[in-house]
PDB file of N, CA and C in Angstrom:
ATOM      1  N   UNK A   1    -134.891-133.263  13.325  1.00  0.00           N
ATOM      2  CA  UNK A   1    -136.324-133.132  13.264  1.00  0.00           C
ATOM      3  C   UNK A   1    -136.781-132.272  14.425  1.00  0.00           C
ATOM      4  N   UNK A   2    -137.667-131.353  14.127  1.00  0.00           N
ATOM      5  CA  UNK A   2    -138.289-130.531  15.157  1.00  0.00           C
ATOM      6  C   UNK A   2    -139.781-130.814  15.126  1.00  0.00           C
ATOM      7  N   UNK A   3    -140.312-131.244  16.236  1.00  0.00           N
ATOM      8  CA  UNK A   3    -141.740-131.510  16.397  1.00  0.00           C
ATOM      9  C   UNK A   3    -142.302-130.334  17.191  1.00  0.00           C
ATOM     10  N   UNK A   4    -143.076-129.479  16.541  1.00  0.00           N
ATOM     11  CA  UNK A   4    -143.552-128.243  17.164  1.00  0.00           C
ATOM     12  C   UNK A   4    -145.030-128.307  17.512  1.00  0.00           C
ATOM     13  N   UNK A   5    -145.362-128.482  18.790  1.00  0.00           N
ATOM     14  CA  UNK A   5    -146.753-128.455  19.217  1.00  0.00           C
ATOM     15  C   UNK A   5    -147.197-127.068  19.692  1.00  0.00           C
ATOM     16  N   UNK A   6    -146.332-126.057  19.590  1.00  0.00           N
ATOM     17  CA  UNK A   6    -146.627-124.746  20.160  1.00  0.00           C
ATOM     18  C   UNK A   6    -147.539-123.926  19.268  1.00  0.00           C
ATOM     19  N   UNK A   7    -147.106-123.678  18.047  1.00  0.00           N
ATOM     20  CA  UNK A   7    -147.923-122.882  17.144  1.00  0.00           C
ATOM     21  C   UNK A   7    -147.116-121.852  16.390  1.00  0.00           C
ATOM     22  N   UNK A   8    -147.809-120.937  15.713  1.00  0.00           N
ATOM     23  CA  UNK A   8    -147.164-120.007  14.796  1.00  0.00           C
ATOM     24  C   UNK A   8    -146.046-119.151  15.381  1.00  0.00           C
ATOM     25  N   UNK A   9    -146.095-118.852  16.663  1.00  0.00           N
ATOM     26  CA  UNK A   9    -145.052-117.977  17.209  1.00  0.00           C
ATOM     27  C   UNK A   9    -143.675-118.617  17.181  1.00  0.00           C
ATOM     28  N   UNK A  10    -143.593-119.919  17.058  1.00  0.00           N
ATOM     29  CA  UNK A  10    -142.287-120.587  17.070  1.00  0.00           C
ATOM     30  C   UNK A  10    -141.855-121.140  15.715  1.00  0.00           C
ATOM     31  N   UNK A  11    -142.702-121.071  14.687  1.00  0.00           N
ATOM     32  CA  UNK A  11    -142.368-121.678  13.399  1.00  0.00           C
ATOM     33  C   UNK A  11    -141.096-121.108  12.784  1.00  0.00           C
ATOM     34  N   UNK A  12    -140.958-119.794  12.756  1.00  0.00           N
ATOM     35  CA  UNK A  12    -139.762-119.187  12.141  1.00  0.00           C
ATOM     36  C   UNK A  12    -138.489-119.613  12.863  1.00  0.00           C
ATOM     37  N   UNK A  13    -138.519-119.551  14.185  1.00  0.00           N
ATOM     38  CA  UNK A  13    -137.341-119.941  14.971  1.00  0.00           C
ATOM     39  C   UNK A  13    -137.003-121.409  14.698  1.00  0.00           C
ATOM     40  N   UNK A  14    -138.001-122.256  14.700  1.00  0.00           N
ATOM     41  CA  UNK A  14    -137.776-123.678  14.432  1.00  0.00           C
ATOM     42  C   UNK A  14    -137.118-123.884  13.075  1.00  0.00           C
ATOM     43  N   UNK A  15    -137.661-123.229  12.065  1.00  0.00           N
ATOM     44  CA  UNK A  15    -137.135-123.394  10.709  1.00  0.00           C
ATOM     45  C   UNK A  15    -135.688-122.913  10.608  1.00  0.00           C
ATOM     46  N   UNK A  16    -135.378-121.801  11.265  1.00  0.00           N
ATOM     47  CA  UNK A  16    -134.016-121.252  11.207  1.00  0.00           C
ATOM     48  C   UNK A  16    -132.974-122.201  11.792  1.00  0.00           C
ATOM     49  N   UNK A  17    -133.343-123.001  12.778  1.00  0.00           N
ATOM     50  CA  UNK A  17    -132.345-123.873  13.407  1.00  0.00           C
ATOM     51  C   UNK A  17    -132.252-125.262  12.772  1.00  0.00           C
ATOM     52  N   UNK A  18    -133.068-125.514  11.747  1.00  0.00           N
ATOM     53  CA  UNK A  18    -132.965-126.807  11.047  1.00  0.00           C
ATOM     54  C   UNK A  18    -131.640-126.914  10.302  1.00  0.00           C
ATOM     55  N   UNK A  19    -131.017-128.054  10.401  1.00  0.00           N
ATOM     56  CA  UNK A  19    -129.816-128.322   9.606  1.00  0.00           C
ATOM     57  C   UNK A  19    -130.246-128.867   8.250  1.00  0.00           C
ATOM     58  N   UNK A  20    -129.335-128.914   7.276  1.00  0.00           N
ATOM     59  CA  UNK A  20    -129.679-129.557   5.998  1.00  0.00           C
ATOM     60  C   UNK A  20    -130.176-130.979   6.258  1.00  0.00           C
ATOM     61  N   UNK A  21    -131.246-131.334   5.599  1.00  0.00           N
ATOM     62  CA  UNK A  21    -131.865-132.642   5.805  1.00  0.00           C
ATOM     63  C   UNK A  21    -132.886-132.626   6.928  1.00  0.00           C
ATOM     64  N   UNK A  22    -133.002-131.502   7.629  1.00  0.00           N
ATOM     65  CA  UNK A  22    -133.915-131.402   8.762  1.00  0.00           C
ATOM     66  C   UNK A  22    -135.364-131.276   8.335  1.00  0.00           C
ATOM     67  N   UNK A  23    -136.245-131.644   9.234  1.00  0.00           N
ATOM     68  CA  UNK A  23    -137.685-131.570   8.996  1.00  0.00           C
ATOM     69  C   UNK A  23    -138.361-130.854  10.159  1.00  0.00           C
ATOM     70  N   UNK A  24    -139.232-129.921   9.832  1.00  0.00           N
ATOM     71  CA  UNK A  24    -140.058-129.249  10.818  1.00  0.00           C
ATOM     72  C   UNK A  24    -141.453-129.842  10.710  1.00  0.00           C
ATOM     73  N   UNK A  25    -141.940-130.399  11.790  1.00  0.00           N
ATOM     74  CA  UNK A  25    -143.280-130.975  11.819  1.00  0.00           C
ATOM     75  C   UNK A  25    -144.136-130.112  12.739  1.00  0.00           C
ATOM     76  N   UNK A  26    -145.099-129.422  12.155  1.00  0.00           N
ATOM     77  CA  UNK A  26    -146.009-128.571  12.914  1.00  0.00           C
ATOM     78  C   UNK A  26    -147.216-129.434  13.294  1.00  0.00           C
ATOM     79  N   UNK A  27    -147.470-129.562  14.594  1.00  0.00           N
ATOM     80  CA  UNK A  27    -148.491-130.521  15.002  1.00  0.00           C
ATOM     81  C   UNK A  27    -149.408-130.044  16.111  1.00  0.00           C
ATOM     82  N   UNK A  28    -149.422-128.777  16.409  1.00  0.00           N
ATOM     83  CA  UNK A  28    -150.306-128.352  17.485  1.00  0.00           C
ATOM     84  C   UNK A  28    -150.427-126.860  17.610  1.00  0.00           C
ATOM     85  N   UNK A  29    -151.193-126.473  18.607  1.00  0.00           N
ATOM     86  CA  UNK A  29    -151.452-125.070  18.864  1.00  0.00           C
ATOM     87  C   UNK A  29    -151.564-124.852  20.368  1.00  0.00           C
ATOM     88  N   UNK A  30    -150.585-125.358  21.098  1.00  0.00           N
ATOM     89  CA  UNK A  30    -150.654-125.255  22.558  1.00  0.00           C
ATOM     90  C   UNK A  30    -150.581-123.815  23.043  1.00  0.00           C
ATOM     91  N   UNK A  31    -150.070-122.894  22.220  1.00  0.00           N
ATOM     92  CA  UNK A  31    -150.034-121.496  22.623  1.00  0.00           C
ATOM     93  C   UNK A  31    -151.442-120.915  22.758  1.00  0.00           C
ATOM     94  N   UNK A  32    -152.451-121.623  22.284  1.00  0.00           N
ATOM     95  CA  UNK A  32    -153.835-121.174  22.401  1.00  0.00           C
ATOM     96  C   UNK A  32    -154.482-121.631  23.710  1.00  0.00           C
ATOM     97  N   UNK A  33    -153.691-122.193  24.594  1.00  0.00           N
ATOM     98  CA  UNK A  33    -154.193-122.660  25.879  1.00  0.00           C
ATOM     99  C   UNK A  33    -153.654-121.770  26.992  1.00  0.00           C
ATOM    100  N   UNK A  34    -154.419-121.666  28.058  1.00  0.00           N
ATOM    101  CA  UNK A  34    -153.913-121.017  29.251  1.00  0.00           C
ATOM    102  C   UNK A  34    -154.245-121.908  30.446  1.00  0.00           C
ATOM    103  N   UNK A  35    -154.063-121.423  31.653  1.00  0.00           N
ATOM    104  CA  UNK A  35    -154.282-122.268  32.830  1.00  0.00           C
ATOM    105  C   UNK A  35    -155.723-122.733  32.961  1.00  0.00           C
ATOM    106  N   UNK A  36    -156.648-122.033  32.300  1.00  0.00           N
ATOM    107  CA  UNK A  36    -158.065-122.401  32.369  1.00  0.00           C
ATOM    108  C   UNK A  36    -158.514-123.258  31.188  1.00  0.00           C
ATOM    109  N   UNK A  37    -157.596-123.648  30.335  1.00  0.00           N
ATOM    110  CA  UNK A  37    -157.944-124.431  29.148  1.00  0.00           C
ATOM    111  C   UNK A  37    -157.804-123.597  27.898  1.00  0.00           C
ATOM    112  N   UNK A  38    -158.620-123.880  26.899  1.00  0.00           N
ATOM    113  CA  UNK A  38    -158.545-123.167  25.629  1.00  0.00           C
ATOM    114  C   UNK A  38    -159.018-121.729  25.806  1.00  0.00           C
ATOM    115  N   UNK A  39    -158.234-120.814  25.305  1.00  0.00           N
ATOM    116  CA  UNK A  39    -158.546-119.394  25.367  1.00  0.00           C
ATOM    117  C   UNK A  39    -158.977-118.932  23.976  1.00  0.00           C
ATOM    118  N   UNK A  40    -160.206-118.456  23.850  1.00  0.00           N
ATOM    119  CA  UNK A  40    -160.724-118.011  22.559  1.00  0.00           C
ATOM    120  C   UNK A  40    -159.843-116.891  22.001  1.00  0.00           C
ATOM    121  N   UNK A  41    -159.443-115.973  22.855  1.00  0.00           N
ATOM    122  CA  UNK A  41    -158.589-114.871  22.413  1.00  0.00           C
ATOM    123  C   UNK A  41    -157.254-115.399  21.867  1.00  0.00           C
ATOM    124  N   UNK A  42    -156.647-116.351  22.566  1.00  0.00           N
ATOM    125  CA  UNK A  42    -155.370-116.918  22.126  1.00  0.00           C
ATOM    126  C   UNK A  42    -155.533-117.730  20.845  1.00  0.00           C
ATOM    127  N   UNK A  43    -156.638-118.461  20.723  1.00  0.00           N
ATOM    128  CA  UNK A  43    -156.898-119.231  19.498  1.00  0.00           C
ATOM    129  C   UNK A  43    -156.993-118.287  18.309  1.00  0.00           C
ATOM    130  N   UNK A  44    -157.781-117.232  18.434  1.00  0.00           N
ATOM    131  CA  UNK A  44    -157.926-116.276  17.339  1.00  0.00           C
ATOM    132  C   UNK A  44    -156.600-115.605  17.001  1.00  0.00           C
ATOM    133  N   UNK A  45    -155.847-115.247  18.021  1.00  0.00           N
ATOM    134  CA  UNK A  45    -154.541-114.618  17.801  1.00  0.00           C
ATOM    135  C   UNK A  45    -153.616-115.561  17.027  1.00  0.00           C
ATOM    136  N   UNK A  46    -153.579-116.826  17.418  1.00  0.00           N
ATOM    137  CA  UNK A  46    -152.722-117.814  16.742  1.00  0.00           C
ATOM    138  C   UNK A  46    -153.174-118.047  15.308  1.00  0.00           C
ATOM    139  N   UNK A  47    -154.473-118.195  15.107  1.00  0.00           N
ATOM    140  CA  UNK A  47    -154.987-118.435  13.756  1.00  0.00           C
ATOM    141  C   UNK A  47    -154.707-117.254  12.829  1.00  0.00           C
ATOM    142  N   UNK A  48    -154.806-116.046  13.356  1.00  0.00           N
ATOM    143  CA  UNK A  48    -154.503-114.873  12.541  1.00  0.00           C
ATOM    144  C   UNK A  48    -153.011-114.775  12.228  1.00  0.00           C
ATOM    145  N   UNK A  49    -152.166-115.349  13.070  1.00  0.00           N
ATOM    146  CA  UNK A  49    -150.717-115.308  12.879  1.00  0.00           C
ATOM    147  C   UNK A  49    -150.217-116.344  11.867  1.00  0.00           C
ATOM    148  N   UNK A  50    -150.966-117.380  11.618  1.00  0.00           N
ATOM    149  CA  UNK A  50    -150.485-118.482  10.767  1.00  0.00           C
ATOM    150  C   UNK A  50    -150.020-118.010   9.384  1.00  0.00           C
ATOM    151  N   UNK A  51    -150.807-117.224   8.621  1.00  0.00           N
ATOM    152  CA  UNK A  51    -150.309-116.830   7.288  1.00  0.00           C
ATOM    153  C   UNK A  51    -149.006-116.050   7.329  1.00  0.00           C
ATOM    154  N   UNK A  52    -148.865-115.141   8.279  1.00  0.00           N
ATOM    155  CA  UNK A  52    -147.647-114.335   8.330  1.00  0.00           C
ATOM    156  C   UNK A  52    -146.495-115.058   9.010  1.00  0.00           C
ATOM    157  N   UNK A  53    -146.787-116.130   9.727  1.00  0.00           N
ATOM    158  CA  UNK A  53    -145.704-116.858  10.392  1.00  0.00           C
ATOM    159  C   UNK A  53    -144.982-117.795   9.438  1.00  0.00           C
ATOM    160  N   UNK A  54    -145.582-118.065   8.290  1.00  0.00           N
ATOM    161  CA  UNK A  54    -144.979-119.019   7.366  1.00  0.00           C
ATOM    162  C   UNK A  54    -144.511-118.396   6.058  1.00  0.00           C
ATOM    163  N   UNK A  55    -145.088-117.316   5.636  1.00  0.00           N
ATOM    164  CA  UNK A  55    -144.726-116.732   4.360  1.00  0.00           C
ATOM    165  C   UNK A  55    -144.126-115.359   4.572  1.00  0.00           C
ATOM    166  N   UNK A  56    -143.240-114.872   3.764  1.00  0.00           N
ATOM    167  CA  UNK A  56    -142.670-115.519   2.590  1.00  0.00           C
ATOM    168  C   UNK A  56    -141.365-116.243   2.894  1.00  0.00           C
ATOM    169  N   UNK A  57    -141.050-116.488   4.127  1.00  0.00           N
ATOM    170  CA  UNK A  57    -139.727-116.983   4.469  1.00  0.00           C
ATOM    171  C   UNK A  57    -139.478-118.428   4.097  1.00  0.00           C
ATOM    172  N   UNK A  58    -140.481-119.209   3.777  1.00  0.00           N
ATOM    173  CA  UNK A  58    -140.163-120.492   3.156  1.00  0.00           C
ATOM    174  C   UNK A  58    -140.881-120.583   1.829  1.00  0.00           C
ATOM    175  N   UNK A  59    -140.169-121.125   0.902  1.00  0.00           N
ATOM    176  CA  UNK A  59    -140.737-121.336  -0.425  1.00  0.00           C
ATOM    177  C   UNK A  59    -140.083-122.574  -1.015  1.00  0.00           C
ATOM    178  N   UNK A  60    -140.646-123.072  -2.086  1.00  0.00           N
ATOM    179  CA  UNK A  60    -140.168-124.336  -2.646  1.00  0.00           C
ATOM    180  C   UNK A  60    -138.694-124.282  -3.032  1.00  0.00           C
ATOM    181  N   UNK A  61    -138.273-123.205  -3.681  1.00  0.00           N
ATOM    182  CA  UNK A  61    -136.865-123.098  -4.081  1.00  0.00           C
ATOM    183  C   UNK A  61    -135.924-123.107  -2.897  1.00  0.00           C
ATOM    184  N   UNK A  62    -136.270-122.372  -1.853  1.00  0.00           N
ATOM    185  CA  UNK A  62    -135.424-122.326  -0.667  1.00  0.00           C
ATOM    186  C   UNK A  62    -135.388-123.690   0.030  1.00  0.00           C
ATOM    187  N   UNK A  63    -136.546-124.352   0.111  1.00  0.00           N
ATOM    188  CA  UNK A  63    -136.569-125.687   0.725  1.00  0.00           C
ATOM    189  C   UNK A  63    -135.647-126.641  -0.026  1.00  0.00           C
ATOM    190  N   UNK A  64    -135.699-126.586  -1.357  1.00  0.00           N
ATOM    191  CA  UNK A  64    -134.852-127.462  -2.162  1.00  0.00           C
ATOM    192  C   UNK A  64    -133.373-127.134  -1.972  1.00  0.00           C
ATOM    193  N   UNK A  65    -133.035-125.858  -2.033  1.00  0.00           N
ATOM    194  CA  UNK A  65    -131.630-125.459  -1.900  1.00  0.00           C
ATOM    195  C   UNK A  65    -131.055-125.738  -0.516  1.00  0.00           C
ATOM    196  N   UNK A  66    -131.878-125.656   0.503  1.00  0.00           N
ATOM    197  CA  UNK A  66    -131.394-125.862   1.864  1.00  0.00           C
ATOM    198  C   UNK A  66    -131.621-127.292   2.352  1.00  0.00           C
ATOM    199  N   UNK A  67    -132.224-128.128   1.520  1.00  0.00           N
ATOM    200  CA  UNK A  67    -132.495-129.522   1.875  1.00  0.00           C
ATOM    201  C   UNK A  67    -133.247-129.640   3.202  1.00  0.00           C
ATOM    202  N   UNK A  68    -134.258-128.815   3.348  1.00  0.00           N
ATOM    203  CA  UNK A  68    -135.096-128.831   4.538  1.00  0.00           C
ATOM    204  C   UNK A  68    -136.522-129.167   4.133  1.00  0.00           C
ATOM    205  N   UNK A  69    -137.317-129.582   5.102  1.00  0.00           N
ATOM    206  CA  UNK A  69    -138.706-129.895   4.825  1.00  0.00           C
ATOM    207  C   UNK A  69    -139.618-129.384   5.921  1.00  0.00           C
ATOM    208  N   UNK A  70    -140.844-129.033   5.539  1.00  0.00           N
ATOM    209  CA  UNK A  70    -141.858-128.576   6.471  1.00  0.00           C
ATOM    210  C   UNK A  70    -143.077-129.456   6.269  1.00  0.00           C
ATOM    211  N   UNK A  71    -143.647-129.902   7.371  1.00  0.00           N
ATOM    212  CA  UNK A  71    -144.709-130.884   7.323  1.00  0.00           C
ATOM    213  C   UNK A  71    -145.749-130.529   8.380  1.00  0.00           C
ATOM    214  N   UNK A  72    -147.030-130.607   8.044  1.00  0.00           N
ATOM    215  CA  UNK A  72    -148.102-130.359   9.007  1.00  0.00           C
ATOM    216  C   UNK A  72    -148.791-131.660   9.364  1.00  0.00           C
ATOM    217  N   UNK A  73    -149.157-131.786  10.620  1.00  0.00           N
ATOM    218  CA  UNK A  73    -149.789-133.011  11.092  1.00  0.00           C
ATOM    219  C   UNK A  73    -150.890-132.662  12.079  1.00  0.00           C
ATOM    220  N   UNK A  74    -152.131-133.048  11.774  1.00  0.00           N
ATOM    221  CA  UNK A  74    -153.250-132.842  12.682  1.00  0.00           C
ATOM    222  C   UNK A  74    -153.367-134.097  13.545  1.00  0.00           C
ATOM    223  N   UNK A  75    -152.840-134.019  14.758  1.00  0.00           N
ATOM    224  CA  UNK A  75    -152.784-135.194  15.625  1.00  0.00           C
ATOM    225  C   UNK A  75    -154.160-135.706  16.025  1.00  0.00           C
ATOM    226  N   UNK A  76    -155.133-134.807  16.194  1.00  0.00           N
ATOM    227  CA  UNK A  76    -156.467-135.249  16.577  1.00  0.00           C
ATOM    228  C   UNK A  76    -157.111-136.090  15.473  1.00  0.00           C
ATOM    229  N   UNK A  77    -157.029-135.632  14.224  1.00  0.00           N
ATOM    230  CA  UNK A  77    -157.626-136.426  13.146  1.00  0.00           C
ATOM    231  C   UNK A  77    -156.849-137.729  12.944  1.00  0.00           C
ATOM    232  N   UNK A  78    -155.525-137.679  13.141  1.00  0.00           N
ATOM    233  CA  UNK A  78    -154.722-138.894  13.047  1.00  0.00           C
ATOM    234  C   UNK A  78    -155.185-139.906  14.100  1.00  0.00           C
ATOM    235  N   UNK A  79    -155.326-139.438  15.330  1.00  0.00           N
ATOM    236  CA  UNK A  79    -155.745-140.304  16.441  1.00  0.00           C
ATOM    237  C   UNK A  79    -157.094-140.939  16.132  1.00  0.00           C
ATOM    238  N   UNK A  80    -158.013-140.145  15.644  1.00  0.00           N
ATOM    239  CA  UNK A  80    -159.349-140.660  15.328  1.00  0.00           C
ATOM    240  C   UNK A  80    -159.299-141.714  14.230  1.00  0.00           C
ATOM    241  N   UNK A  81    -158.488-141.490  13.205  1.00  0.00           N
ATOM    242  CA  UNK A  81    -158.395-142.424  12.087  1.00  0.00           C
ATOM    243  C   UNK A  81    -157.626-143.681  12.449  1.00  0.00           C
ATOM    244  N   UNK A  82    -156.493-143.528  13.139  1.00  0.00           N
ATOM    245  CA  UNK A  82    -155.603-144.653  13.426  1.00  0.00           C
ATOM    246  C   UNK A  82    -155.914-145.351  14.750  1.00  0.00           C
ATOM    247  N   UNK A  83    -156.591-144.649  15.654  1.00  0.00           N
ATOM    248  CA  UNK A  83    -156.875-145.230  16.968  1.00  0.00           C
ATOM    249  C   UNK A  83    -155.690-145.149  17.918  1.00  0.00           C
ATOM    250  N   UNK A  84    -154.691-144.370  17.585  1.00  0.00           N
ATOM    251  CA  UNK A  84    -153.511-144.221  18.438  1.00  0.00           C
ATOM    252  C   UNK A  84    -152.393-143.527  17.687  1.00  0.00           C
ATOM    253  N   UNK A  85    -151.268-143.404  18.363  1.00  0.00           N
ATOM    254  CA  UNK A  85    -150.124-142.687  17.791  1.00  0.00           C
ATOM    255  C   UNK A  85    -148.948-143.616  17.469  1.00  0.00           C
ATOM    256  N   UNK A  86    -149.152-144.907  17.552  1.00  0.00           N
ATOM    257  CA  UNK A  86    -148.050-145.863  17.390  1.00  0.00           C
ATOM    258  C   UNK A  86    -147.287-145.693  16.077  1.00  0.00           C
ATOM    259  N   UNK A  87    -148.004-145.460  14.988  1.00  0.00           N
ATOM    260  CA  UNK A  87    -147.331-145.348  13.693  1.00  0.00           C
ATOM    261  C   UNK A  87    -146.410-144.118  13.639  1.00  0.00           C
ATOM    262  N   UNK A  88    -146.716-143.104  14.434  1.00  0.00           N
ATOM    263  CA  UNK A  88    -145.874-141.912  14.491  1.00  0.00           C
ATOM    264  C   UNK A  88    -144.741-142.097  15.494  1.00  0.00           C
ATOM    265  N   UNK A  89    -145.062-142.604  16.660  1.00  0.00           N
ATOM    266  CA  UNK A  89    -144.064-142.672  17.733  1.00  0.00           C
ATOM    267  C   UNK A  89    -143.099-143.846  17.617  1.00  0.00           C
ATOM    268  N   UNK A  90    -143.509-144.934  17.013  1.00  0.00           N
ATOM    269  CA  UNK A  90    -142.621-146.104  16.915  1.00  0.00           C
ATOM    270  C   UNK A  90    -141.283-145.802  16.261  1.00  0.00           C
ATOM    271  N   UNK A  91    -141.248-145.139  15.093  1.00  0.00           N
ATOM    272  CA  UNK A  91    -139.943-144.826  14.494  1.00  0.00           C
ATOM    273  C   UNK A  91    -139.084-143.924  15.378  1.00  0.00           C
ATOM    274  N   UNK A  92    -139.715-143.014  16.108  1.00  0.00           N
ATOM    275  CA  UNK A  92    -138.962-142.132  16.999  1.00  0.00           C
ATOM    276  C   UNK A  92    -138.342-142.908  18.147  1.00  0.00           C
ATOM    277  N   UNK A  93    -139.099-143.842  18.702  1.00  0.00           N
ATOM    278  CA  UNK A  93    -138.599-144.634  19.817  1.00  0.00           C
ATOM    279  C   UNK A  93    -137.476-145.561  19.376  1.00  0.00           C
ATOM    280  N   UNK A  94    -137.615-146.155  18.206  1.00  0.00           N
ATOM    281  CA  UNK A  94    -136.561-147.035  17.680  1.00  0.00           C
ATOM    282  C   UNK A  94    -135.293-146.233  17.446  1.00  0.00           C
ATOM    283  N   UNK A  95    -135.422-145.057  16.833  1.00  0.00           N
ATOM    284  CA  UNK A  95    -134.267-144.204  16.557  1.00  0.00           C
ATOM    285  C   UNK A  95    -133.583-143.787  17.847  1.00  0.00           C
ATOM    286  N   UNK A  96    -134.354-143.430  18.866  1.00  0.00           N
ATOM    287  CA  UNK A  96    -133.737-142.980  20.112  1.00  0.00           C
ATOM    288  C   UNK A  96    -133.032-144.138  20.817  1.00  0.00           C
ATOM    289  N   UNK A  97    -133.530-145.346  20.702  1.00  0.00           N
ATOM    290  CA  UNK A  97    -132.855-146.502  21.320  1.00  0.00           C
ATOM    291  C   UNK A  97    -131.545-146.812  20.609  1.00  0.00           C
ATOM    292  N   UNK A  98    -131.542-146.694  19.277  1.00  0.00           N
ATOM    293  CA  UNK A  98    -130.339-146.977  18.489  1.00  0.00           C
ATOM    294  C   UNK A  98    -129.255-145.948  18.798  1.00  0.00           C
ATOM    295  N   UNK A  99    -129.650-144.691  18.951  1.00  0.00           N
ATOM    296  CA  UNK A  99    -128.693-143.621  19.198  1.00  0.00           C
ATOM    297  C   UNK A  99    -128.278-143.498  20.659  1.00  0.00           C
ATOM    298  N   UNK A 100    -128.899-144.221  21.545  1.00  0.00           N
ATOM    299  CA  UNK A 100    -128.584-144.101  22.984  1.00  0.00           C
ATOM    300  C   UNK A 100    -127.274-144.778  23.332  1.00  0.00           C
TER     301      UNK A 100
END
């Protein structure tokens, strides 16, 4: 599993390194931040990159043949709805303890 909080510039690289059965979870846009906080220029650059960062290199047939998955997660809306991240982080913490 790859949890990508960076943004479109890393999606292709992330997808290429997934093994069969792997999942890419896109969950942020930290590349739109700089030392002063959110950068309007970086946000616009990232948003304009999203369509070309994902297509045409993944498609349903390729996902099926390679046994890979791509998933998007808006953490802010999740946090607002759930009141926390426990439902997301709990399985990760359990898995890491079992594998340790």
